[in-house]
Amino acid sequence: METPFSAWPWLWWSVLVTINVVNLLVAAVIFWKSATSDDPSHARYRKRMRVLGLVFVAVAAYRSVFVSSYLEQLAWFDTLANSSLLIRTLAIFAELSFAGLFMLAMLQVNQDVPAPEQSRPNRFMSFLYTKSPFVLFGCIFAAQFFATTALINKVELLFAIEETLWAIGFLSVLPLAVHQLRRVRAVKDQAFSGRLKMLNAFTVINTLWCGLYSCYALFYHLTIEYWPHVIRDMQAGNVVVRTGVSAIRDAFLVVNMTRDYNAWGGIGFLIWHTFYFSVCVWIVLFLMSGPRLLPRKETP
């Protein structure tokens, strides 16, 4: 039975919104400090990182207030501000920003601490070291089309493809993430290693994120949550495709307000939503500062 004013939904929502309001303030401070820094190195790179980061954090703050679930068009509030299609449109910018932050940071590591040629004995290894960040961005870019189309026509198969593309994207950069961590950790020169503080932190965070996300996707999200039940529905013929202007209109206008724990998907949705709008935002706040090789300190 739905209990829209019971304690748990509002407690969880309030904590998540509070976290994201604080995150947004922190992002504004990072943006301002980065923009006014007297460090001229990597200026173009740092500008891109702070802009992409602010986009992601701002959208996360909005989505933490207006909680939504695309397929059933569930909404926390009965208002068009909680429209699934509106939120999916905002998510396009946020998710491309998320992928862009990782891509640019990994390319920056390649530039600041380049891999020795002998570590790239063949074209495949050379591709992993130089091009896999672009594969990550390309996968997340393609995923946006599947997610948005799935919201409109209600074909869950397309959501499964979207999530698979996310998994492929971060799996594709996992070898590079591990190799970059090893490269940065292998630096023994004390004068140089002191300039690697940000890259040390990034390579650890990046390797953990890529590894944990890949395991989550392969061993739970895709293989237990998504594909088995999508395949069963397809085999049973339980697939209804919405098309036309009416499908787009309904994706924007239909708002099914509920705060029922089971309607939202129980513990699975709770964990995913909480993690996405807290831990992912904290990673982005770090990336906003532009992980890079720090400039040499002037000696008096």
Protein backbone atom coordinates (compact mmCIF):
# COMPACT_ATOMS: atom_id res chain seq x y z
CA MET A 1 0.00 0.00 0.00
CA GLU A 2 1.35 3.43 -0.93
CA THR A 3 2.11 5.74 1.96
CA PRO A 4 3.14 9.02 0.35
CA PHE A 5 3.71 10.86 3.62
CA SER A 6 5.45 8.12 5.59
CA ALA A 7 8.80 8.94 7.15
CA TRP A 8 11.30 7.05 5.00
CA PRO A 9 10.67 8.70 1.61
CA TRP A 10 11.00 12.22 2.94
CA LEU A 11 14.00 11.40 5.12
CA TRP A 12 15.86 9.82 2.18
CA TRP A 13 14.82 12.63 -0.19
CA SER A 14 15.81 15.35 2.29
CA VAL A 15 19.26 13.85 2.87
CA LEU A 16 19.89 13.46 -0.86
CA VAL A 17 18.72 16.99 -1.67
CA THR A 18 20.85 18.44 1.14
CA ILE A 19 23.91 16.60 -0.15
CA ASN A 20 23.34 17.93 -3.65
CA VAL A 21 22.75 21.51 -2.55
CA VAL A 22 26.09 21.37 -0.71
CA ASN A 23 27.70 19.75 -3.77
CA LEU A 24 26.40 22.55 -5.98
CA LEU A 25 27.88 25.19 -3.67
CA VAL A 26 31.21 23.35 -3.64
CA ALA A 27 31.12 23.13 -7.45
CA ALA A 28 30.54 26.89 -7.67
CA VAL A 29 33.56 27.52 -5.44
CA ILE A 30 35.75 25.14 -7.48
CA PHE A 31 34.56 26.78 -10.69
CA TRP A 32 35.37 30.27 -9.39
CA LYS A 33 38.77 29.29 -7.97
CA SER A 34 39.76 27.46 -11.13
CA ALA A 35 38.67 30.38 -13.32
CA THR A 36 40.62 32.93 -11.23
CA SER A 37 43.71 30.79 -10.57
CA ASP A 38 47.07 32.33 -11.42
CA ASP A 39 48.31 28.96 -12.70
CA PRO A 40 48.43 29.40 -16.51
CA SER A 41 49.22 25.75 -17.28
CA HIS A 42 46.61 23.61 -19.04
CA ALA A 43 44.23 26.61 -19.19
CA ARG A 44 42.03 25.26 -22.00
CA TYR A 45 41.82 21.80 -20.43
CA ARG A 46 40.92 23.19 -17.01
CA LYS A 47 38.22 25.43 -18.48
CA ARG A 48 36.58 22.45 -20.16
CA MET A 49 36.75 20.40 -16.97
CA ARG A 50 35.14 23.04 -14.77
CA VAL A 51 32.34 23.72 -17.29
CA LEU A 52 31.56 20.01 -17.79
CA GLY A 53 31.67 19.44 -14.05
CA LEU A 54 29.32 22.30 -13.27
CA VAL A 55 26.81 20.99 -15.83
CA PHE A 56 26.81 17.54 -14.24
CA VAL A 57 26.52 18.81 -10.66
CA ALA A 58 23.72 21.26 -11.54
CA VAL A 59 21.68 18.56 -13.29
CA ALA A 60 22.31 16.16 -10.40
CA ALA A 61 20.96 18.75 -7.97
CA TYR A 62 17.82 19.19 -10.09
CA ARG A 63 17.28 15.44 -10.41
CA SER A 64 17.79 14.88 -6.69
CA VAL A 65 14.81 17.17 -6.09
CA PHE A 66 12.64 15.83 -8.92
CA VAL A 67 13.22 12.10 -8.57
CA SER A 68 12.07 10.17 -11.65
CA SER A 69 11.97 6.71 -13.21
CA TYR A 70 11.83 6.70 -17.00
CA LEU A 71 10.01 3.55 -18.07
CA GLU A 72 6.93 3.97 -15.82
CA GLN A 73 7.33 7.77 -15.79
CA LEU A 74 7.24 7.82 -12.01
CA ALA A 75 7.71 11.20 -10.38
CA TRP A 76 8.26 12.48 -6.87
CA PHE A 77 6.06 15.54 -7.46
CA ASP A 78 2.92 16.05 -9.55
CA THR A 79 4.38 18.79 -11.74
CA LEU A 80 5.80 19.14 -15.24
CA ALA A 81 9.10 20.04 -13.61
CA ASN A 82 9.19 16.31 -12.82
CA SER A 83 8.50 15.35 -16.45
CA SER A 84 10.42 12.25 -17.52
CA LEU A 85 11.24 13.63 -20.97
CA LEU A 86 12.42 16.94 -19.50
CA ILE A 87 14.69 15.14 -17.05
CA ARG A 88 15.95 12.76 -19.77
CA THR A 89 16.86 15.80 -21.87
CA LEU A 90 18.82 17.29 -18.97
CA ALA A 91 20.45 13.90 -18.39
CA ILE A 92 21.84 13.93 -21.94
CA PHE A 93 23.98 16.97 -21.10
CA ALA A 94 24.95 15.60 -17.69
CA GLU A 95 25.93 12.14 -18.92
CA LEU A 96 27.95 13.48 -21.84
CA SER A 97 29.68 15.81 -19.37
CA PHE A 98 30.43 12.82 -17.11
CA ALA A 99 31.97 10.85 -19.98
CA GLY A 100 33.81 13.94 -21.22
CA LEU A 101 35.43 14.51 -17.83
CA PHE A 102 36.85 10.98 -17.75
CA MET A 103 37.93 11.13 -21.39
CA LEU A 104 39.75 14.46 -21.02
CA ALA A 105 41.40 13.46 -17.74
CA MET A 106 42.72 10.18 -19.17
CA LEU A 107 44.02 11.93 -22.27
CA GLN A 108 45.74 14.44 -19.99
CA VAL A 109 47.49 11.64 -18.11
CA ASN A 110 48.71 10.27 -21.46
CA GLN A 111 50.10 13.70 -22.26
CA ASP A 112 51.69 14.40 -18.86
CA VAL A 113 53.05 10.90 -18.22
CA PRO A 114 53.30 9.30 -21.67
CA ALA A 115 53.57 5.54 -22.04
CA PRO A 116 56.96 4.31 -23.28
CA GLU A 117 56.87 3.00 -26.83
CA GLN A 118 58.02 -0.48 -25.76
CA SER A 119 54.83 -0.86 -23.70
CA ARG A 120 52.81 -0.65 -26.92
CA PRO A 121 54.12 -3.64 -28.89
CA ASN A 122 51.14 -3.91 -31.25
CA ARG A 123 48.28 -1.91 -32.72
CA PHE A 124 45.77 -3.19 -30.19
CA MET A 125 47.82 -2.02 -27.21
CA SER A 126 48.54 1.28 -28.94
CA PHE A 127 44.79 1.69 -29.51
CA LEU A 128 44.04 1.06 -25.82
CA TYR A 129 46.58 3.63 -24.73
CA THR A 130 45.61 6.35 -27.18
CA LYS A 131 42.01 5.85 -28.38
CA SER A 132 40.01 4.03 -25.71
CA PRO A 133 38.94 7.29 -23.97
CA PHE A 134 37.23 8.24 -27.24
CA VAL A 135 35.49 4.83 -27.26
CA LEU A 136 34.16 5.60 -23.77
CA PHE A 137 32.72 8.93 -24.91
CA GLY A 138 31.34 7.37 -28.09
CA CYS A 139 29.52 4.65 -26.12
CA ILE A 140 27.93 7.16 -23.74
CA PHE A 141 27.00 9.39 -26.68
CA ALA A 142 25.29 6.48 -28.47
CA ALA A 143 23.58 5.43 -25.23
CA GLN A 144 21.67 8.74 -25.15
CA PHE A 145 19.75 7.88 -28.33
CA PHE A 146 18.68 4.48 -26.98
CA ALA A 147 17.63 5.87 -23.58
CA THR A 148 15.61 8.74 -25.02
CA THR A 149 13.92 6.54 -27.63
CA ALA A 150 13.12 3.93 -24.96
CA LEU A 151 11.46 6.56 -22.80
CA ILE A 152 9.22 7.59 -25.68
CA ASN A 153 8.30 4.20 -27.17
CA LYS A 154 8.48 2.17 -23.93
CA VAL A 155 10.67 -0.63 -25.37
CA GLU A 156 12.79 -1.79 -22.44
CA LEU A 157 15.20 -3.56 -24.79
CA LEU A 158 16.54 -0.13 -25.71
CA PHE A 159 17.21 0.66 -22.04
CA ALA A 160 19.12 -2.63 -21.80
CA ILE A 161 21.21 -1.61 -24.83
CA GLU A 162 21.85 1.79 -23.22
CA GLU A 163 23.12 0.18 -20.02
CA THR A 164 25.23 -2.26 -22.06
CA LEU A 165 26.87 0.65 -23.85
CA TRP A 166 27.75 2.21 -20.50
CA ALA A 167 29.38 -1.06 -19.46
CA ILE A 168 31.30 -1.37 -22.74
CA GLY A 169 32.49 2.21 -22.39
CA PHE A 170 34.05 1.81 -18.97
CA LEU A 171 35.31 -1.71 -19.73
CA SER A 172 37.12 -0.30 -22.76
CA VAL A 173 39.14 2.13 -20.63
CA LEU A 174 39.77 -0.21 -17.69
CA PRO A 175 43.09 -1.54 -19.11
CA LEU A 176 44.28 2.01 -19.71
CA ALA A 177 43.16 3.07 -16.22
CA VAL A 178 45.25 0.27 -14.67
CA HIS A 179 48.23 1.07 -16.88
CA GLN A 180 48.06 4.78 -16.08
CA LEU A 181 47.98 3.98 -12.36
CA ARG A 182 51.10 1.83 -12.75
CA ARG A 183 52.85 4.49 -14.84
CA VAL A 184 52.24 7.27 -12.34
CA ARG A 185 53.18 5.06 -9.38
CA ALA A 186 56.40 3.99 -11.14
CA VAL A 187 57.81 7.54 -11.12
CA LYS A 188 60.72 7.56 -8.65
CA ASP A 189 62.20 10.99 -9.28
CA GLN A 190 61.38 12.93 -6.10
CA ALA A 191 61.37 16.34 -7.79
CA PHE A 192 58.99 15.08 -10.48
CA SER A 193 56.81 12.86 -8.28
CA GLY A 194 55.84 15.86 -6.14
CA ARG A 195 54.10 17.30 -9.19
CA LEU A 196 52.03 14.13 -9.63
CA LYS A 197 49.79 14.61 -6.61
CA MET A 198 46.60 15.16 -8.63
CA LEU A 199 47.42 12.44 -11.16
CA ASN A 200 48.09 9.97 -8.34
CA ALA A 201 44.66 10.66 -6.90
CA PHE A 202 42.94 10.53 -10.29
CA THR A 203 44.49 7.25 -11.41
CA VAL A 204 43.47 5.56 -8.15
CA ILE A 205 39.90 6.92 -8.33
CA ASN A 206 39.63 6.11 -12.04
CA THR A 207 40.84 2.52 -11.65
CA LEU A 208 38.50 1.90 -8.72
CA TRP A 209 35.54 3.46 -10.53
CA CYS A 210 36.11 1.60 -13.82
CA GLY A 211 36.71 -1.70 -12.03
CA LEU A 212 33.78 -1.46 -9.62
CA TYR A 213 31.35 -0.17 -12.24
CA SER A 214 32.35 -2.89 -14.69
CA CYS A 215 31.84 -5.59 -12.04
CA TYR A 216 28.48 -4.10 -11.05
CA ALA A 217 27.34 -4.01 -14.67
CA LEU A 218 28.57 -7.48 -15.64
CA PHE A 219 27.64 -9.42 -12.54
CA TYR A 220 24.43 -7.69 -11.44
CA HIS A 221 22.96 -4.81 -13.42
CA LEU A 222 23.01 -6.39 -16.88
CA THR A 223 23.00 -10.11 -16.11
CA ILE A 224 20.43 -10.08 -13.28
CA GLU A 225 18.45 -6.83 -13.43
CA TYR A 226 18.09 -6.16 -17.14
CA TRP A 227 18.71 -8.75 -19.84
CA PRO A 228 17.02 -11.87 -18.36
CA HIS A 229 13.71 -10.12 -17.86
CA VAL A 230 13.94 -8.20 -21.17
CA ILE A 231 14.51 -11.50 -23.00
CA ARG A 232 11.59 -13.14 -21.16
CA ASP A 233 9.26 -10.29 -22.13
CA MET A 234 10.33 -10.49 -25.76
CA GLN A 235 9.85 -14.26 -25.86
CA ALA A 236 6.40 -13.88 -24.30
CA GLY A 237 5.46 -11.14 -26.75
CA ASN A 238 4.97 -8.59 -23.96
CA VAL A 239 6.35 -5.70 -25.99
CA VAL A 240 4.16 -2.75 -26.96
CA VAL A 241 5.80 -0.01 -29.03
CA ARG A 242 4.53 3.57 -28.70
CA THR A 243 5.12 5.77 -31.75
CA GLY A 244 4.18 9.14 -33.16
CA VAL A 245 3.61 12.59 -31.74
CA SER A 246 1.30 11.21 -29.05
CA ALA A 247 4.14 9.10 -27.65
CA ILE A 248 6.42 12.15 -27.42
CA ARG A 249 3.64 14.24 -25.87
CA ASP A 250 2.89 11.57 -23.26
CA ALA A 251 6.59 11.18 -22.44
CA PHE A 252 6.62 14.87 -21.59
CA LEU A 253 3.19 15.37 -20.02
CA VAL A 254 2.44 12.14 -18.13
CA VAL A 255 3.62 12.38 -14.52
CA ASN A 256 2.81 9.40 -12.30
CA MET A 257 3.43 10.74 -8.81
CA THR A 258 4.24 8.15 -6.16
CA ARG A 259 6.54 7.75 -3.19
CA ASP A 260 5.84 4.08 -2.67
CA TYR A 261 9.02 2.12 -1.97
CA ASN A 262 8.00 -0.91 -4.05
CA ALA A 263 6.76 1.15 -7.00
CA TRP A 264 10.21 2.71 -7.32
CA GLY A 265 11.89 -0.70 -7.44
CA GLY A 266 12.82 -1.24 -3.82
CA ILE A 267 16.40 -1.51 -2.63
CA GLY A 268 17.87 -1.69 -6.16
CA PHE A 269 16.57 1.74 -7.14
CA LEU A 270 17.40 3.19 -3.72
CA ILE A 271 21.05 2.10 -3.92
CA TRP A 272 21.47 3.18 -7.55
CA HIS A 273 19.83 6.58 -7.11
CA THR A 274 21.66 7.34 -3.87
CA PHE A 275 25.05 6.29 -5.30
CA TYR A 276 24.57 8.15 -8.58
CA PHE A 277 23.64 11.43 -6.91
CA SER A 278 26.26 11.32 -4.19
CA VAL A 279 29.42 9.34 -5.01
CA CYS A 280 29.34 10.13 -8.74
CA VAL A 281 28.94 13.82 -7.96
CA TRP A 282 31.89 13.71 -5.54
CA ILE A 283 34.04 12.14 -8.26
CA VAL A 284 32.98 14.93 -10.62
CA LEU A 285 33.85 17.59 -8.04
CA PHE A 286 37.38 16.21 -8.00
CA LEU A 287 37.57 16.04 -11.80
CA MET A 288 36.42 19.67 -12.04
CA SER A 289 39.79 20.80 -10.71
CA GLY A 290 41.48 19.23 -13.76
CA PRO A 291 43.81 16.40 -12.70
CA ARG A 292 47.17 17.26 -14.28
CA LEU A 293 50.89 17.50 -13.81
CA LEU A 294 51.38 20.42 -11.45
CA PRO A 295 53.73 23.24 -12.51
CA ARG A 296 57.26 23.39 -11.13
CA LYS A 297 57.64 25.48 -8.02
CA GLU A 298 59.86 28.46 -8.53
CA THR A 299 63.05 28.26 -6.46
CA PRO A 300 64.14 31.53 -4.86
